[in-house]
């Protein structure tokens, strides 16, 4: 029996095409997903990777073999697929490998209302059924479903702007956008249409081979072109999207990279102004400035584990209006609790467009600490190293030690760190934050010495 464990990840399906993920597997997954959802109709979208066409076709064949209809929305970002699944109230499948290299592709699945599907919410069953179908053949319905096409780009763009109503009346801005040859090049022009923006486009040509740089803005190296272009154009800000455009990173007018935590605090402040007293979600490696800002503005911060499934679950449980992650994912209650890089970009534009000063001044009050960024170390005995770190610090951690996700140690006065084991690799991931560069360097080096022996 075919074992799909190597490509069915915690939150999605992802693998090398065709060695790990091919049309037969996509067809089996389509049938399994249709049976799991029990839906009458499923909507799909795909990014710019060439393999998305045959994979999407095969997936649709699997879905329709179960008597379920398919609505193909064609090229789109992941948040466009969430819009389609949310607005139509039907399950969806997005064909993308996000920022992974060209040889990869994958499938992100969601239920009606854009509710996530992960290992704990259906992927295990879908994988088991797909493996069985590959071994025994796909059972078919007496009646076959239909496949229709429906372009939702204009409706998506209109809805996104409706969710940020104070875009109306903003001052003219110069914006540089680096789409990384990904789906931002498809969604940005339509969404920005009608706004007083002078846009400089970088790498808007859809190209799944990523000829200019990886479509992964969390790596500072992939923001170099954007930084240079912002300075050259005298732009007010720069925006960078990943391959499927569900993440957004921002560069200010000085060409400086804005921390996603700072952007989280900005958007949280805007949402709390709109709905005072609301709950805001942040994961445990987001800057401490985020809960501080939320509390100062009368909101209720809720801390979660790292990962979109945990964020979305807490959004649903608490009724939170907004949530943010260090990785550049931003979640919105009014967008079915789903993440959207476009909404984060529009909030930033709206906030800046109603001020007279530069973006760096607007964000200054939200930048309170110095972060290390994520530092990865190859470690065989992950549990042993974490235990050694806990033993070394639990007596001096004035703010406490917790194990919500890995080990978090709060040393007080703004200094803290988190160490987490990777789910897929022999890595320990370290995040450190302190008030000054010197304090950060000292704490970072001390913890790394324990991690690396």
Foldseek 3Di string as FASTA:
>chain_A
DDALVVQQDFFWGKDFPPVRPYLLLLLLLLLLVLVQQVDQEEEEEEKLQPRCVSSVVSSQNSNQQAVHAYEYQYHAFPLLQLLVLQVVQAKYKYWAPWQDANRMIIIFIAGRLRHTDGPVRPSVSSSVSSVVCSVPNRHGDPGTYYYHYDHCLLVVLVVLCVVVVLLPPFDAFEEEEEALLARCLVRVVNNCPPGNYNYHYHNSHNDRNSPPDGQQVLPVVVCVVVLVVLQVVLGLKYWGAIRSQLFIWIAGSNSHTDFQLLLLQLVLLVVCVVPPAFEEEEEPLRAPLNCVSQVVRNYHYDYAHDDLNTQLVVCVVRVGQKYTYRRRWIAGVVSSRHTGNVSSVSSLSSQQRPDDDGSCVVSVSSPQKDKDRKDKDQDQCLVVLLVVVCVVPQVQQPVHWDPNAAIKGHNDQRWIKGWHADPPHNIIIIMIMHRDPVVRVVVVVVSVVSRVD
